[in-house]
């Protein structure tokens, strides 16, 4: 079993390619929110770009083959495994030089780790902040 981080620079291009090449893996019931029907964590979005962690099982070789076909067409990029992309789990990978710099640049272009203010029950800042986790997801 292999978990891969998948980056997509243009979601509309991915949806068009899925409709043409892999329609059984695309759910367009909600046209404003098409879903790629593979085992993955919830997709992170930033503008037209998306990022997801996809599970490739040995008993489903068509998933990895399909991802490779989509990557060959240029609509997605397989960044690699989380360990390859992010290197050792440290406080701030961007400052350590660990992992793959090009893959990290794409990863962090979607996954924003800017600290966010903690709000109280009235929606007012408490003066504290929370930083999103380094990983966008993990399979149990």
Foldseek 3Di string as FASTA:
>chain_A
DAKWKKKFPAQVVVVVVCVVPPVVQWDCVPVVDIDGNADWDDWFDDVRMIIIIGDDDPVCVVVVVVVVVCVVVPRMDGLGGCCQAQPPQDPDSVPPPGHDPVSVVRVCVRDPQPWDFDADPVRHGPPDTDTDGPDPDDDD
